[in-house]
Amino acid sequence: MAVSVTAIALDYACAKQGILKIGEIQPGQMEASPTSEPENQKYQMRFIPPWLYDALEVTLSPRGIGWEFGRGVHIPIQTRPLERPLFLRATLLSSLLHFLLLDFIESLLKFFPGVGTPQGGSIFYPHLPPLQRYTVSTIIHLLTGTALISGFTMVYDLFTLFAVTLLDSPPAAWPPVMDNPWSSDSLHVFWAKRWHQFLRRILMVCGGYLGKWLLGSFGMIQGIFLASGLYHECAMYTMGRGWDNRVVVFFVIQAPLLACEKLWSKSTGRKVGGLFGRLWVYFVIFVLAQPMSTILFLLTTSRSLH
């Protein structure tokens, strides 16, 4: 949270015209066109003054919906009805379902020796033959990813219920947190659209701008992923498990992998996609990312394998 707030403060400091809503020409002054008012501003607030709501939104809205700094961020299509009572009902049901799913997955993880304990343990069991060992580790990794998606969705739904019910925030300002990451058929689609975009602004400030200044477009992407790796690993480092470079390496290699996708498109004239594109994404996420599962669940490093 400290890194996030610091990054946002730096972003504010570099904004020459202030942080503008979509349709503003300067803070507080909208364009003359009646259609320029952003959708998430067309409401009356009952409990807090507009200036306080704007201050909270511009600080706590990582995707920047309705704000200029949010232009270009992929926003998933709203799947819930926008009528407030129906929206709240659908959101409440979603939070309950994802809570049950998360609880179920957490219970399954406890069946794996060491993994489901606070002390942690490796997802790789050295006493198993290689095929069985990596089958088990892949299952644990798959459960971990599903738990992350359900956890993100559940917490986001709870924030949505709070904002729409108590702060009178419009349902249109709360689109889905993710866009079905399981359907990704390229790494570009996965990272730019399907996965959550909550850290996009923070990572641009912490690595993207500097990387672009040094090495252009590729440097920007590399800087973003380097910042992402450090962001995740520093958070885990505070839990007293030491430093693990594998998390940083996993994120850093995403930039070259994305460059490979671009090279493929240029050389063949076809974008990465379809069945083979999906298998490519699954290979990166389910094979190359398995060390992430170890860290995310406070598991020990593979000392037991040595």
Protein backbone atom coordinates (compact mmCIF):
# COMPACT_ATOMS: atom_id res chain seq x y z
CA MET A 1 0.00 0.00 0.00
CA ALA A 2 2.88 2.36 0.77
CA VAL A 3 4.41 1.73 -2.67
CA SER A 4 1.02 2.24 -4.32
CA VAL A 5 0.34 5.56 -2.61
CA THR A 6 3.87 6.76 -3.31
CA ALA A 7 3.51 5.91 -7.01
CA ILE A 8 0.18 7.72 -7.23
CA ALA A 9 1.68 10.76 -5.50
CA LEU A 10 4.53 10.83 -8.02
CA ASP A 11 2.00 10.52 -10.83
CA TYR A 12 0.11 13.52 -9.45
CA ALA A 13 3.31 15.53 -9.13
CA CYS A 14 4.11 15.02 -12.83
CA ALA A 15 0.63 15.93 -14.06
CA LYS A 16 0.90 19.35 -15.69
CA GLN A 17 -2.85 20.10 -15.81
CA GLY A 18 -3.99 18.20 -12.75
CA ILE A 19 -5.85 14.91 -12.67
CA LEU A 20 -8.73 15.39 -15.10
CA LYS A 21 -11.98 13.56 -15.56
CA ILE A 22 -12.87 12.50 -19.07
CA GLY A 23 -14.43 15.58 -20.65
CA GLU A 24 -12.68 18.14 -18.44
CA ILE A 25 -10.46 20.82 -19.95
CA GLN A 26 -9.15 21.76 -16.51
CA PRO A 27 -10.06 20.62 -12.99
CA GLY A 28 -13.73 21.41 -12.35
CA GLN A 29 -14.44 22.74 -15.85
CA MET A 30 -16.16 20.41 -18.29
CA GLU A 31 -16.29 20.78 -22.03
CA ALA A 32 -19.36 22.46 -23.45
CA SER A 33 -20.70 19.29 -25.06
CA PRO A 34 -23.50 17.78 -22.93
CA THR A 35 -22.29 14.29 -23.82
CA SER A 36 -18.82 14.81 -22.44
CA GLU A 37 -19.73 14.08 -18.84
CA PRO A 38 -18.34 10.68 -17.83
CA GLU A 39 -20.87 8.03 -17.02
CA ASN A 40 -19.67 7.58 -13.45
CA GLN A 41 -20.37 11.24 -12.63
CA LYS A 42 -24.09 11.24 -13.57
CA TYR A 43 -25.51 10.78 -10.09
CA GLN A 44 -26.24 12.59 -6.86
CA MET A 45 -24.33 11.60 -3.75
CA ARG A 46 -26.27 11.28 -0.54
CA PHE A 47 -23.70 10.77 2.17
CA ILE A 48 -20.45 12.49 1.20
CA PRO A 49 -19.75 15.75 -0.69
CA PRO A 50 -18.64 15.55 -4.35
CA TRP A 51 -15.12 16.84 -3.64
CA LEU A 52 -14.50 14.08 -1.10
CA TYR A 53 -15.91 11.43 -3.41
CA ASP A 54 -13.64 12.62 -6.22
CA ALA A 55 -10.63 12.62 -3.89
CA LEU A 56 -11.34 9.04 -2.83
CA GLU A 57 -12.03 7.89 -6.37
CA VAL A 58 -8.94 9.41 -7.94
CA THR A 59 -6.77 7.86 -5.21
CA LEU A 60 -8.44 4.47 -4.87
CA SER A 61 -9.53 3.80 -8.46
CA PRO A 62 -6.54 1.99 -9.99
CA ARG A 63 -8.17 1.56 -13.41
CA GLY A 64 -9.19 5.22 -13.58
CA ILE A 65 -12.70 4.63 -14.89
CA GLY A 66 -14.07 8.01 -15.94
CA TRP A 67 -10.67 9.73 -15.61
CA GLU A 68 -8.09 10.71 -18.20
CA PHE A 69 -5.38 8.58 -16.58
CA GLY A 70 -7.61 5.57 -17.20
CA ARG A 71 -7.72 5.98 -20.98
CA GLY A 72 -6.46 2.89 -22.74
CA VAL A 73 -7.13 0.54 -19.83
CA HIS A 74 -9.15 -2.47 -20.89
CA ILE A 75 -12.46 -2.56 -19.03
CA PRO A 76 -14.39 -5.87 -19.12
CA ILE A 77 -17.94 -5.75 -20.40
CA GLN A 78 -20.45 -5.44 -17.58
CA THR A 79 -22.22 -8.78 -17.09
CA ARG A 80 -24.63 -7.64 -14.37
CA PRO A 81 -27.79 -5.55 -14.83
CA LEU A 82 -27.19 -1.84 -14.18
CA GLU A 83 -30.44 -1.29 -12.32
CA ARG A 84 -29.27 -0.71 -8.77
CA PRO A 85 -31.40 -3.35 -6.92
CA LEU A 86 -30.67 -6.04 -9.52
CA PHE A 87 -27.00 -5.08 -9.64
CA LEU A 88 -26.65 -5.32 -5.86
CA ARG A 89 -28.40 -8.66 -5.83
CA ALA A 90 -26.15 -10.07 -8.55
CA THR A 91 -23.04 -8.72 -6.81
CA LEU A 92 -24.05 -10.17 -3.46
CA LEU A 93 -24.66 -13.56 -5.08
CA SER A 94 -21.29 -13.39 -6.83
CA SER A 95 -19.46 -12.59 -3.59
CA LEU A 96 -21.11 -15.51 -1.82
CA LEU A 97 -20.37 -17.97 -4.63
CA HIS A 98 -16.72 -16.94 -4.84
CA PHE A 99 -16.40 -17.08 -1.06
CA LEU A 100 -17.64 -20.68 -1.11
CA LEU A 101 -15.33 -21.53 -4.02
CA LEU A 102 -12.35 -19.96 -2.29
CA ASP A 103 -13.15 -21.81 0.93
CA PHE A 104 -13.50 -25.08 -0.98
CA ILE A 105 -10.14 -24.63 -2.72
CA GLU A 106 -8.45 -23.68 0.55
CA SER A 107 -9.84 -26.89 2.07
CA LEU A 108 -8.49 -28.95 -0.84
CA LEU A 109 -5.02 -27.45 -0.44
CA LYS A 110 -4.91 -28.68 3.15
CA PHE A 111 -4.93 -32.26 1.85
CA PHE A 112 -1.45 -31.74 0.39
CA PRO A 113 1.20 -32.39 3.07
CA GLY A 114 3.00 -29.22 4.06
CA VAL A 115 1.30 -27.01 1.48
CA GLY A 116 -1.82 -26.30 3.48
CA THR A 117 -0.07 -25.40 6.72
CA PRO A 118 1.03 -21.97 7.98
CA GLN A 119 4.63 -23.22 7.99
CA GLY A 120 4.44 -24.08 4.31
CA GLY A 121 6.21 -26.68 2.24
CA SER A 122 7.33 -27.29 -1.33
CA ILE A 123 4.72 -28.04 -3.99
CA PHE A 124 7.28 -30.48 -5.43
CA TYR A 125 7.39 -33.82 -3.59
CA PRO A 126 10.87 -35.33 -4.18
CA HIS A 127 9.80 -38.86 -3.23
CA LEU A 128 7.43 -39.03 -6.22
CA PRO A 129 8.54 -40.06 -9.74
CA PRO A 130 8.99 -37.03 -12.04
CA LEU A 131 5.69 -37.46 -13.90
CA GLN A 132 3.65 -37.78 -10.72
CA ARG A 133 5.65 -35.04 -9.01
CA TYR A 134 4.90 -32.46 -11.68
CA THR A 135 1.32 -33.62 -12.06
CA VAL A 136 0.75 -32.93 -8.37
CA SER A 137 2.56 -29.59 -8.53
CA THR A 138 0.47 -28.58 -11.55
CA ILE A 139 -2.74 -29.44 -9.73
CA ILE A 140 -1.65 -27.35 -6.74
CA HIS A 141 -0.68 -24.53 -9.09
CA LEU A 142 -4.05 -24.69 -10.84
CA LEU A 143 -5.84 -24.56 -7.50
CA THR A 144 -3.68 -21.58 -6.53
CA GLY A 145 -4.60 -19.66 -9.68
CA THR A 146 -8.29 -20.41 -9.25
CA ALA A 147 -8.11 -19.30 -5.63
CA LEU A 148 -6.47 -16.02 -6.69
CA ILE A 149 -9.20 -15.30 -9.23
CA SER A 150 -11.97 -16.15 -6.76
CA GLY A 151 -10.29 -14.14 -4.02
CA PHE A 152 -9.90 -11.09 -6.24
CA THR A 153 -13.52 -11.34 -7.34
CA MET A 154 -14.89 -11.86 -3.83
CA VAL A 155 -13.04 -8.89 -2.32
CA TYR A 156 -13.87 -6.68 -5.30
CA ASP A 157 -17.55 -7.61 -4.94
CA LEU A 158 -17.47 -6.61 -1.28
CA PHE A 159 -15.97 -3.22 -2.16
CA THR A 160 -18.60 -2.87 -4.87
CA LEU A 161 -21.42 -3.52 -2.42
CA PHE A 162 -19.97 -0.96 -0.01
CA ALA A 163 -19.48 1.73 -2.66
CA VAL A 164 -22.81 1.31 -4.43
CA THR A 165 -24.84 0.94 -1.24
CA LEU A 166 -23.25 3.46 1.14
CA LEU A 167 -21.41 5.87 -1.16
CA ASP A 168 -24.09 5.93 -3.88
CA SER A 169 -21.52 5.01 -6.51
CA PRO A 170 -23.18 4.11 -9.84
CA PRO A 171 -23.15 0.42 -10.86
CA ALA A 172 -21.57 1.42 -14.20
CA ALA A 173 -18.43 2.44 -12.30
CA TRP A 174 -17.91 -1.15 -11.13
CA PRO A 175 -17.32 -3.45 -14.12
CA PRO A 176 -15.94 -6.97 -13.53
CA VAL A 177 -12.49 -7.19 -11.99
CA MET A 178 -11.23 -9.67 -14.63
CA ASP A 179 -12.21 -10.63 -18.16
CA ASN A 180 -12.20 -14.43 -18.12
CA PRO A 181 -8.42 -15.02 -18.05
CA TRP A 182 -8.95 -18.72 -18.81
CA SER A 183 -9.92 -17.80 -22.39
CA SER A 184 -6.65 -15.98 -23.16
CA ASP A 185 -5.09 -17.13 -26.43
CA SER A 186 -1.94 -14.99 -26.29
CA LEU A 187 0.22 -13.48 -23.59
CA HIS A 188 -0.63 -10.02 -24.88
CA VAL A 189 -4.34 -10.69 -24.44
CA PHE A 190 -3.74 -12.23 -21.02
CA TRP A 191 -1.69 -9.37 -19.55
CA ALA A 192 -3.34 -6.42 -21.33
CA LYS A 193 -6.99 -7.51 -21.15
CA ARG A 194 -7.90 -10.71 -19.36
CA TRP A 195 -5.91 -10.33 -16.13
CA HIS A 196 -6.78 -7.56 -13.69
CA GLN A 197 -5.42 -4.10 -14.50
CA PHE A 198 -5.22 -2.77 -10.92
CA LEU A 199 -1.43 -2.34 -10.93
CA ARG A 200 -1.13 -0.81 -14.40
CA ARG A 201 -0.79 2.79 -13.26
CA ILE A 202 1.53 1.95 -10.36
CA LEU A 203 3.85 -0.18 -12.49
CA MET A 204 4.03 2.49 -15.19
CA VAL A 205 5.27 4.98 -12.58
CA CYS A 206 7.65 2.54 -10.90
CA GLY A 207 9.21 1.09 -14.05
CA GLY A 208 7.39 1.80 -17.28
CA TYR A 209 8.26 5.48 -17.72
CA LEU A 210 11.93 4.96 -16.95
CA GLY A 211 12.12 1.93 -19.21
CA LYS A 212 10.52 3.84 -22.07
CA TRP A 213 12.98 6.70 -21.61
CA LEU A 214 15.91 4.27 -21.75
CA LEU A 215 14.87 1.72 -24.38
CA GLY A 216 11.65 2.85 -26.01
CA SER A 217 8.56 0.64 -26.23
CA PHE A 218 10.34 -2.60 -25.31
CA GLY A 219 12.00 -0.84 -22.38
CA MET A 220 8.62 0.33 -21.16
CA ILE A 221 7.24 -3.22 -21.17
CA GLN A 222 10.40 -4.57 -19.57
CA GLY A 223 10.29 -1.86 -16.91
CA ILE A 224 6.66 -2.63 -16.13
CA PHE A 225 7.34 -6.33 -15.62
CA LEU A 226 10.50 -5.72 -13.63
CA ALA A 227 8.53 -3.41 -11.36
CA SER A 228 5.81 -6.04 -11.09
CA GLY A 229 8.28 -8.74 -10.06
CA LEU A 230 9.84 -6.50 -7.43
CA TYR A 231 6.42 -5.37 -6.23
CA HIS A 232 5.25 -8.94 -5.64
CA GLU A 233 8.47 -10.26 -4.16
CA CYS A 234 8.99 -7.29 -1.83
CA ALA A 235 5.50 -7.87 -0.47
CA MET A 236 6.34 -11.51 0.24
CA TYR A 237 9.75 -10.60 1.67
CA THR A 238 8.03 -8.73 4.51
CA MET A 239 6.60 -12.07 5.67
CA GLY A 240 10.02 -13.25 6.78
CA ARG A 241 10.67 -15.98 4.21
CA GLY A 242 13.75 -14.42 2.68
CA TRP A 243 14.25 -13.25 -0.90
CA ASP A 244 13.42 -15.43 -3.91
CA ASN A 245 14.64 -14.28 -7.33
CA ARG A 246 12.39 -16.73 -9.19
CA VAL A 247 9.36 -14.50 -8.79
CA VAL A 248 11.21 -11.53 -10.27
CA VAL A 249 12.63 -13.69 -13.08
CA PHE A 250 9.16 -14.97 -14.01
CA PHE A 251 7.87 -11.43 -14.50
CA VAL A 252 11.03 -10.19 -16.23
CA ILE A 253 10.88 -12.90 -18.91
CA GLN A 254 7.36 -11.83 -19.88
CA ALA A 255 8.74 -8.91 -21.92
CA PRO A 256 10.93 -11.13 -24.14
CA LEU A 257 8.06 -13.60 -24.49
CA LEU A 258 5.75 -10.79 -25.61
CA ALA A 259 8.46 -9.69 -28.04
CA CYS A 260 8.49 -13.24 -29.43
CA GLU A 261 4.75 -13.00 -30.04
CA LYS A 262 5.26 -9.73 -31.91
CA LEU A 263 8.09 -11.27 -33.94
CA TRP A 264 5.85 -14.23 -34.81
CA SER A 265 3.13 -11.88 -36.04
CA LYS A 266 5.56 -9.92 -38.20
CA SER A 267 7.21 -13.00 -39.71
CA THR A 268 4.03 -14.98 -40.39
CA GLY A 269 1.46 -12.24 -40.86
CA ARG A 270 -0.79 -13.88 -38.27
CA LYS A 271 -1.37 -12.96 -34.66
CA VAL A 272 -0.82 -15.49 -31.92
CA GLY A 273 -4.21 -16.97 -31.15
CA GLY A 274 -6.52 -19.95 -31.44
CA LEU A 275 -5.84 -23.32 -29.88
CA PHE A 276 -2.06 -23.11 -30.17
CA GLY A 277 -2.11 -19.61 -28.71
CA ARG A 278 -4.05 -20.86 -25.73
CA LEU A 279 -1.68 -23.77 -25.25
CA TRP A 280 1.19 -21.27 -25.36
CA VAL A 281 -0.42 -19.17 -22.61
CA TYR A 282 -1.11 -22.25 -20.51
CA PHE A 283 2.51 -23.37 -20.89
CA VAL A 284 3.77 -20.02 -19.59
CA ILE A 285 1.22 -19.76 -16.79
CA PHE A 286 1.09 -23.41 -15.70
CA VAL A 287 4.72 -24.46 -16.25
CA LEU A 288 6.96 -21.41 -16.09
CA ALA A 289 4.90 -19.82 -13.31
CA GLN A 290 4.88 -22.76 -10.94
CA PRO A 291 7.54 -21.21 -8.66
CA MET A 292 5.03 -18.36 -8.12
CA SER A 293 2.66 -20.77 -6.39
CA THR A 294 5.39 -21.66 -3.95
CA ILE A 295 5.86 -18.03 -2.96
CA LEU A 296 2.24 -16.95 -3.01
CA PHE A 297 1.23 -19.58 -0.49
CA LEU A 298 4.23 -18.93 1.77
CA LEU A 299 5.79 -22.19 0.77
CA THR A 300 9.42 -22.88 1.33
CA THR A 301 11.86 -22.96 -1.55
CA SER A 302 12.79 -26.33 -2.96
CA ARG A 303 15.41 -27.00 -0.27
CA SER A 304 13.85 -30.42 0.20
CA LEU A 305 14.96 -31.29 -3.33
CA HIS A 306 18.66 -30.71 -2.56
